[in-house]
PDB file of N, CA and C in Angstrom:
ATOM      1  N   GLU A   1       0.799  -1.292  -0.252  1.00  0.00           N
ATOM      2  CA  GLU A   1       0.123  -0.088   0.025  1.00  0.00           C
ATOM      3  C   GLU A   1       0.837   1.559  -0.159  1.00  0.00           C
ATOM      4  N   THR A   2       2.099   1.469   0.541  1.00  0.00           N
ATOM      5  CA  THR A   2       2.967   2.307   0.818  1.00  0.00           C
ATOM      6  C   THR A   2       3.260   2.625  -0.621  1.00  0.00           C
ATOM      7  N   ASP A   3       3.898   1.730  -1.164  1.00  0.00           N
ATOM      8  CA  ASP A   3       4.233   1.627  -2.978  1.00  0.00           C
ATOM      9  C   ASP A   3       3.198   2.535  -3.743  1.00  0.00           C
ATOM     10  N   LEU A   4       1.749   1.687  -3.237  1.00  0.00           N
ATOM     11  CA  LEU A   4       0.865   2.456  -4.329  1.00  0.00           C
ATOM     12  C   LEU A   4       0.849   3.804  -3.983  1.00  0.00           C
ATOM     13  N   LEU A   5       0.753   4.261  -2.705  1.00  0.00           N
ATOM     14  CA  LEU A   5       0.509   5.813  -2.435  1.00  0.00           C
ATOM     15  C   LEU A   5       1.905   6.769  -2.715  1.00  0.00           C
ATOM     16  N   GLN A   6       3.004   6.234  -2.622  1.00  0.00           N
ATOM     17  CA  GLN A   6       4.229   6.703  -3.237  1.00  0.00           C
ATOM     18  C   GLN A   6       4.123   7.128  -4.531  1.00  0.00           C
ATOM     19  N   THR A   7       3.683   5.988  -5.367  1.00  0.00           N
ATOM     20  CA  THR A   7       3.326   5.886  -7.013  1.00  0.00           C
ATOM     21  C   THR A   7       2.261   6.857  -7.085  1.00  0.00           C
ATOM     22  N   GLU A   8       1.103   7.052  -6.286  1.00  0.00           N
ATOM     23  CA  GLU A   8       0.394   8.074  -6.958  1.00  0.00           C
ATOM     24  C   GLU A   8       0.869   9.664  -6.612  1.00  0.00           C
ATOM     25  N   LEU A   9       1.559   9.828  -5.562  1.00  0.00           N
ATOM     26  CA  LEU A   9       1.759  11.085  -5.416  1.00  0.00           C
ATOM     27  C   LEU A   9       3.192  11.415  -6.668  1.00  0.00           C
ATOM     28  N   LEU A  10       3.863  10.595  -6.861  1.00  0.00           N
ATOM     29  CA  LEU A  10       4.872  10.726  -7.945  1.00  0.00           C
ATOM     30  C   LEU A  10       4.139  10.985  -9.367  1.00  0.00           C
ATOM     31  N   LEU A  11       2.944  10.153  -9.431  1.00  0.00           N
ATOM     32  CA  LEU A  11       1.939  10.733 -10.818  1.00  0.00           C
ATOM     33  C   LEU A  11       1.309  11.970 -10.716  1.00  0.00           C
ATOM     34  N   GLU A  12       0.954  12.354  -9.579  1.00  0.00           N
ATOM     35  CA  GLU A  12       0.597  13.664  -9.251  1.00  0.00           C
ATOM     36  C   GLU A  12       1.461  14.966  -9.344  1.00  0.00           C
ATOM     37  N   GLU A  13       2.559  14.733  -9.050  1.00  0.00           N
ATOM     38  CA  GLU A  13       3.494  15.779  -9.416  1.00  0.00           C
ATOM     39  C   GLU A  13       3.945  15.823 -10.888  1.00  0.00           C
ATOM     40  N   ALA A  14       4.322  14.329 -11.345  1.00  0.00           N
ATOM     41  CA  ALA A  14       4.603  14.451 -12.984  1.00  0.00           C
ATOM     42  C   ALA A  14       3.468  15.235 -13.503  1.00  0.00           C
ATOM     43  N   ILE A  15       2.201  14.865 -12.966  1.00  0.00           N
ATOM     44  CA  ILE A  15       1.182  15.619 -14.210  1.00  0.00           C
ATOM     45  C   ILE A  15       1.101  17.045 -13.808  1.00  0.00           C
ATOM     46  N   GLU A  16       1.273  17.429 -12.553  1.00  0.00           N
ATOM     47  CA  GLU A  16       1.028  18.841 -12.286  1.00  0.00           C
ATOM     48  C   GLU A  16       2.514  19.730 -13.064  1.00  0.00           C
ATOM     49  N   LYS A  17       3.726  18.888 -13.321  1.00  0.00           N
ATOM     50  CA  LYS A  17       4.708  19.193 -14.077  1.00  0.00           C
ATOM     51  C   LYS A  17       4.438  19.424 -15.047  1.00  0.00           C
ATOM     52  N   LEU A  18       4.153  18.536 -15.969  1.00  0.00           N
ATOM     53  CA  LEU A  18       3.481  18.511 -17.265  1.00  0.00           C
ATOM     54  C   LEU A  18       2.687  19.192 -17.912  1.00  0.00           C
ATOM     55  N   THR A  19       1.469  19.207 -17.226  1.00  0.00           N
ATOM     56  CA  THR A  19       0.612  20.429 -17.279  1.00  0.00           C
ATOM     57  C   THR A  19       1.031  21.930 -17.298  1.00  0.00           C
ATOM     58  N   SER A  20       2.310  22.378 -16.748  1.00  0.00           N
ATOM     59  CA  SER A  20       2.630  23.311 -16.240  1.00  0.00           C
ATOM     60  C   SER A  20       3.932  23.587 -17.396  1.00  0.00           C
ATOM     61  N   SER A  21       4.255  22.505 -17.930  1.00  0.00           N
ATOM     62  CA  SER A  21       5.217  22.639 -19.267  1.00  0.00           C
ATOM     63  C   SER A  21       4.421  22.982 -20.200  1.00  0.00           C
ATOM     64  N   PHE A  22       3.324  22.327 -20.602  1.00  0.00           N
ATOM     65  CA  PHE A  22       2.508  22.672 -21.675  1.00  0.00           C
ATOM     66  C   PHE A  22       1.963  24.056 -21.706  1.00  0.00           C
ATOM     67  N   LEU A  23       1.374  24.414 -20.907  1.00  0.00           N
ATOM     68  CA  LEU A  23       0.694  25.522 -20.837  1.00  0.00           C
ATOM     69  C   LEU A  23       1.953  26.791 -20.814  1.00  0.00           C
ATOM     70  N   ALA A  24       3.102  26.619 -20.475  1.00  0.00           N
ATOM     71  CA  ALA A  24       4.272  27.763 -20.532  1.00  0.00           C
ATOM     72  C   ALA A  24       4.759  27.384 -22.345  1.00  0.00           C
ATOM     73  N   ILE A  25       4.725  26.266 -22.827  1.00  0.00           N
ATOM     74  CA  ILE A  25       4.753  26.010 -24.081  1.00  0.00           C
ATOM     75  C   ILE A  25       3.603  27.124 -25.152  1.00  0.00           C
ATOM     76  N   HIS A  26       2.325  26.753 -24.863  1.00  0.00           N
ATOM     77  CA  HIS A  26       1.345  27.371 -25.321  1.00  0.00           C
ATOM     78  C   HIS A  26       1.249  28.821 -25.193  1.00  0.00           C
ATOM     79  N   SER A  27       2.019  29.332 -23.786  1.00  0.00           N
ATOM     80  CA  SER A  27       2.174  30.724 -23.918  1.00  0.00           C
ATOM     81  C   SER A  27       3.197  31.575 -24.596  1.00  0.00           C
ATOM     82  N   ALA A  28       4.282  30.733 -24.700  1.00  0.00           N
ATOM     83  CA  ALA A  28       5.475  31.264 -25.362  1.00  0.00           C
ATOM     84  C   ALA A  28       5.008  31.219 -27.251  1.00  0.00           C
ATOM     85  N   VAL A  29       4.176  30.566 -27.504  1.00  0.00           N
ATOM     86  CA  VAL A  29       3.884  30.625 -28.765  1.00  0.00           C
ATOM     87  C   VAL A  29       2.899  31.517 -29.083  1.00  0.00           C
ATOM     88  N   GLY A  30       1.744  31.691 -28.176  1.00  0.00           N
ATOM     89  CA  GLY A  30       1.065  33.004 -28.250  1.00  0.00           C
ATOM     90  C   GLY A  30       1.268  34.185 -28.146  1.00  0.00           C
ATOM     91  N   GLU A  31       2.304  34.342 -27.486  1.00  0.00           N
ATOM     92  CA  GLU A  31       3.185  35.548 -27.117  1.00  0.00           C
ATOM     93  C   GLU A  31       3.753  36.075 -28.498  1.00  0.00           C
ATOM     94  N   ARG A  32       4.149  34.974 -29.487  1.00  0.00           N
ATOM     95  CA  ARG A  32       4.976  35.595 -30.321  1.00  0.00           C
ATOM     96  C   ARG A  32       3.725  35.360 -31.810  1.00  0.00           C
ATOM     97  N   GLN A  33       2.481  35.039 -31.516  1.00  0.00           N
ATOM     98  CA  GLN A  33       1.532  34.762 -32.570  1.00  0.00           C
ATOM     99  C   GLN A  33       1.435  35.852 -33.363  1.00  0.00           C
ATOM    100  N   ALA A  34       1.424  37.223 -32.972  1.00  0.00           N
ATOM    101  CA  ALA A  34       1.159  38.392 -33.901  1.00  0.00           C
ATOM    102  C   ALA A  34       2.195  38.365 -34.794  1.00  0.00           C
ATOM    103  N   ALA A  35       3.767  38.061 -34.246  1.00  0.00           N
ATOM    104  CA  ALA A  35       4.847  38.114 -35.190  1.00  0.00           C
ATOM    105  C   ALA A  35       4.689  37.056 -36.408  1.00  0.00           C
ATOM    106  N   ILE A  36       4.169  35.765 -35.811  1.00  0.00           N
ATOM    107  CA  ILE A  36       4.170  34.772 -36.631  1.00  0.00           C
ATOM    108  C   ILE A  36       3.121  35.065 -37.995  1.00  0.00           C
ATOM    109  N   ASP A  37       1.958  35.950 -37.380  1.00  0.00           N
ATOM    110  CA  ASP A  37       1.020  36.265 -38.523  1.00  0.00           C
ATOM    111  C   ASP A  37       1.432  37.267 -39.221  1.00  0.00           C
ATOM    112  N   ARG A  38       2.265  38.194 -39.078  1.00  0.00           N
ATOM    113  CA  ARG A  38       2.832  39.122 -39.733  1.00  0.00           C
ATOM    114  C   ARG A  38       3.333  38.688 -40.798  1.00  0.00           C
ATOM    115  N   LEU A  39       4.381  37.865 -40.163  1.00  0.00           N
ATOM    116  CA  LEU A  39       5.180  37.232 -41.422  1.00  0.00           C
ATOM    117  C   LEU A  39       4.429  36.415 -42.389  1.00  0.00           C
ATOM    118  N   LEU A  40       3.566  35.699 -41.903  1.00  0.00           N
ATOM    119  CA  LEU A  40       2.869  34.580 -42.926  1.00  0.00           C
ATOM    120  C   LEU A  40       2.038  35.366 -43.570  1.00  0.00           C
ATOM    121  N   ALA A  41       1.576  37.111 -43.344  1.00  0.00           N
ATOM    122  CA  ALA A  41       0.677  37.736 -44.236  1.00  0.00           C
ATOM    123  C   ALA A  41       1.933  38.699 -45.361  1.00  0.00           C
ATOM    124  N   GLY A  42       3.241  38.217 -45.172  1.00  0.00           N
ATOM    125  CA  GLY A  42       4.320  38.670 -45.728  1.00  0.00           C
ATOM    126  C   GLY A  42       4.825  40.213 -45.096  1.00  0.00           C
ATOM    127  N   GLY A  43       4.510  40.466 -44.307  1.00  0.00           N
ATOM    128  CA  GLY A  43       5.163  41.835 -43.305  1.00  0.00           C
ATOM    129  C   GLY A  43       6.084  41.483 -42.727  1.00  0.00           C
ATOM    130  N   GLU A  44       6.990  42.758 -42.482  1.00  0.00           N
ATOM    131  CA  GLU A  44       8.114  43.003 -42.195  1.00  0.00           C
ATOM    132  C   GLU A  44       8.235  42.625 -40.590  1.00  0.00           C
ATOM    133  N   PRO A  45       9.173  41.733 -39.495  1.00  0.00           N
ATOM    134  CA  PRO A  45       8.860  41.808 -38.529  1.00  0.00           C
ATOM    135  C   PRO A  45      10.140  43.068 -37.907  1.00  0.00           C
ATOM    136  N   SER A  46       9.471  43.335 -36.843  1.00  0.00           N
ATOM    137  CA  SER A  46      10.219  44.371 -35.983  1.00  0.00           C
ATOM    138  C   SER A  46      11.628  43.950 -35.563  1.00  0.00           C
ATOM    139  N   LYS A  47      12.338  44.625 -34.925  1.00  0.00           N
ATOM    140  CA  LYS A  47      13.659  44.200 -34.065  1.00  0.00           C
ATOM    141  C   LYS A  47      13.388  43.432 -32.791  1.00  0.00           C
ATOM    142  N   GLU A  48      12.217  44.044 -32.180  1.00  0.00           N
ATOM    143  CA  GLU A  48      11.580  43.102 -31.265  1.00  0.00           C
ATOM    144  C   GLU A  48      11.046  41.490 -31.375  1.00  0.00           C
ATOM    145  N   ASP A  49      10.211  41.618 -32.815  1.00  0.00           N
ATOM    146  CA  ASP A  49       9.849  40.030 -33.310  1.00  0.00           C
ATOM    147  C   ASP A  49      11.291  39.401 -33.482  1.00  0.00           C
ATOM    148  N   ILE A  50      11.692  39.604 -34.235  1.00  0.00           N
ATOM    149  CA  ILE A  50      13.402  39.098 -34.490  1.00  0.00           C
ATOM    150  C   ILE A  50      13.784  38.237 -33.355  1.00  0.00           C
ATOM    151  N   ALA A  51      14.007  39.278 -32.177  1.00  0.00           N
ATOM    152  CA  ALA A  51      14.697  38.416 -31.079  1.00  0.00           C
ATOM    153  C   ALA A  51      13.795  37.489 -30.281  1.00  0.00           C
ATOM    154  N   ALA A  52      12.190  38.024 -30.493  1.00  0.00           N
ATOM    155  CA  ALA A  52      11.595  37.130 -29.874  1.00  0.00           C
ATOM    156  C   ALA A  52      11.428  35.830 -30.120  1.00  0.00           C
ATOM    157  N   LEU A  53      11.235  35.634 -31.834  1.00  0.00           N
ATOM    158  CA  LEU A  53      11.392  34.594 -32.437  1.00  0.00           C
ATOM    159  C   LEU A  53      12.437  33.714 -32.409  1.00  0.00           C
ATOM    160  N   ALA A  54      13.523  34.802 -32.389  1.00  0.00           N
ATOM    161  CA  ALA A  54      14.590  33.901 -32.345  1.00  0.00           C
ATOM    162  C   ALA A  54      14.963  33.105 -30.953  1.00  0.00           C
ATOM    163  N   ALA A  55      14.498  33.479 -29.693  1.00  0.00           N
ATOM    164  CA  ALA A  55      14.414  33.075 -28.610  1.00  0.00           C
ATOM    165  C   ALA A  55      13.506  31.816 -28.418  1.00  0.00           C
ATOM    166  N   MET A  56      12.647  32.262 -29.124  1.00  0.00           N
ATOM    167  CA  MET A  56      11.259  31.074 -28.534  1.00  0.00           C
ATOM    168  C   MET A  56      12.008  29.575 -28.855  1.00  0.00           C
ATOM    169  N   SER A  57      12.721  29.109 -29.798  1.00  0.00           N
ATOM    170  CA  SER A  57      13.419  28.095 -29.837  1.00  0.00           C
ATOM    171  C   SER A  57      14.043  27.558 -28.587  1.00  0.00           C
ATOM    172  N   GLY A  58      14.654  28.335 -27.989  1.00  0.00           N
ATOM    173  CA  GLY A  58      15.377  27.908 -26.904  1.00  0.00           C
ATOM    174  C   GLY A  58      14.524  27.710 -25.635  1.00  0.00           C
ATOM    175  N   GLU A  59      13.333  28.659 -25.489  1.00  0.00           N
ATOM    176  CA  GLU A  59      12.551  28.728 -24.414  1.00  0.00           C
ATOM    177  C   GLU A  59      11.575  27.363 -24.721  1.00  0.00           C
ATOM    178  N   ILE A  60      11.041  26.874 -25.737  1.00  0.00           N
ATOM    179  CA  ILE A  60      10.185  25.848 -26.001  1.00  0.00           C
ATOM    180  C   ILE A  60      10.989  24.805 -25.651  1.00  0.00           C
ATOM    181  N   GLY A  61      12.177  24.631 -26.241  1.00  0.00           N
ATOM    182  CA  GLY A  61      13.020  23.642 -25.550  1.00  0.00           C
ATOM    183  C   GLY A  61      13.309  23.395 -24.243  1.00  0.00           C
ATOM    184  N   ASN A  62      13.375  24.213 -23.238  1.00  0.00           N
ATOM    185  CA  ASN A  62      13.610  24.232 -21.859  1.00  0.00           C
ATOM    186  C   ASN A  62      12.081  23.746 -21.309  1.00  0.00           C
ATOM    187  N   HIS A  63      11.147  24.123 -21.701  1.00  0.00           N
ATOM    188  CA  HIS A  63       9.953  23.568 -21.340  1.00  0.00           C
ATOM    189  C   HIS A  63       9.810  22.066 -21.889  1.00  0.00           C
ATOM    190  N   VAL A  64      10.150  21.737 -23.225  1.00  0.00           N
ATOM    191  CA  VAL A  64      10.074  20.326 -23.204  1.00  0.00           C
ATOM    192  C   VAL A  64      10.991  19.461 -22.438  1.00  0.00           C
ATOM    193  N   ASN A  65      12.149  20.047 -22.111  1.00  0.00           N
ATOM    194  CA  ASN A  65      13.270  19.385 -21.540  1.00  0.00           C
ATOM    195  C   ASN A  65      12.595  19.113 -19.855  1.00  0.00           C
ATOM    196  N   THR A  66      12.171  20.254 -19.571  1.00  0.00           N
ATOM    197  CA  THR A  66      11.227  19.889 -18.281  1.00  0.00           C
ATOM    198  C   THR A  66       9.823  18.931 -18.221  1.00  0.00           C
ATOM    199  N   ALA A  67       9.068  18.918 -19.296  1.00  0.00           N
ATOM    200  CA  ALA A  67       8.088  18.003 -19.244  1.00  0.00           C
ATOM    201  C   ALA A  67       8.756  16.496 -19.523  1.00  0.00           C
ATOM    202  N   VAL A  68       9.783  16.198 -20.236  1.00  0.00           N
ATOM    203  CA  VAL A  68      10.349  14.952 -20.277  1.00  0.00           C
ATOM    204  C   VAL A  68      10.973  14.583 -18.978  1.00  0.00           C
ATOM    205  N   THR A  69      11.811  15.547 -18.383  1.00  0.00           N
ATOM    206  CA  THR A  69      12.218  15.426 -17.017  1.00  0.00           C
ATOM    207  C   THR A  69      11.159  14.759 -16.059  1.00  0.00           C
ATOM    208  N   SER A  70      10.042  15.339 -16.218  1.00  0.00           N
ATOM    209  CA  SER A  70       8.565  15.026 -15.165  1.00  0.00           C
ATOM    210  C   SER A  70       8.330  13.750 -15.421  1.00  0.00           C
ATOM    211  N   MET A  71       8.627  13.398 -16.571  1.00  0.00           N
ATOM    212  CA  MET A  71       8.084  11.785 -17.024  1.00  0.00           C
ATOM    213  C   MET A  71       9.004  10.577 -16.363  1.00  0.00           C
ATOM    214  N   GLN A  72      10.579  11.181 -16.022  1.00  0.00           N
ATOM    215  CA  GLN A  72      11.394  10.409 -15.236  1.00  0.00           C
ATOM    216  C   GLN A  72      11.312  10.161 -13.833  1.00  0.00           C
ATOM    217  N   PHE A  73      11.087   8.924 -13.659  1.00  0.00           N
ATOM    218  CA  PHE A  73      10.857   8.342 -12.280  1.00  0.00           C
ATOM    219  C   PHE A  73      11.969   7.624 -11.538  1.00  0.00           C
ATOM    220  N   GLN A  74      12.638   8.162 -10.338  1.00  0.00           N
ATOM    221  CA  GLN A  74      13.279   7.128  -9.770  1.00  0.00           C
ATOM    222  C   GLN A  74      12.991   6.063  -9.003  1.00  0.00           C
ATOM    223  N   ASP A  75      13.558   4.951  -8.719  1.00  0.00           N
ATOM    224  CA  ASP A  75      12.835   3.951  -7.907  1.00  0.00           C
ATOM    225  C   ASP A  75      13.008   4.088  -6.372  1.00  0.00           C
TER     226      ASP A  75
END
């Protein structure tokens, strides 16, 4: 029974971390959506847009790494 409770706690923690990571990814993309829409419409991005879009890959990578780590369990 103790193992079952420990597993339940680990799963709850992992779910919270996964949810947080996916919400952060959604937020990162959403914050840049206006710049993405301008590019798709053939518009010119501002210097801020360029910097934000360049940083997006690393930011999303960090959130994905956090999500993957949250799914790893120790014995």
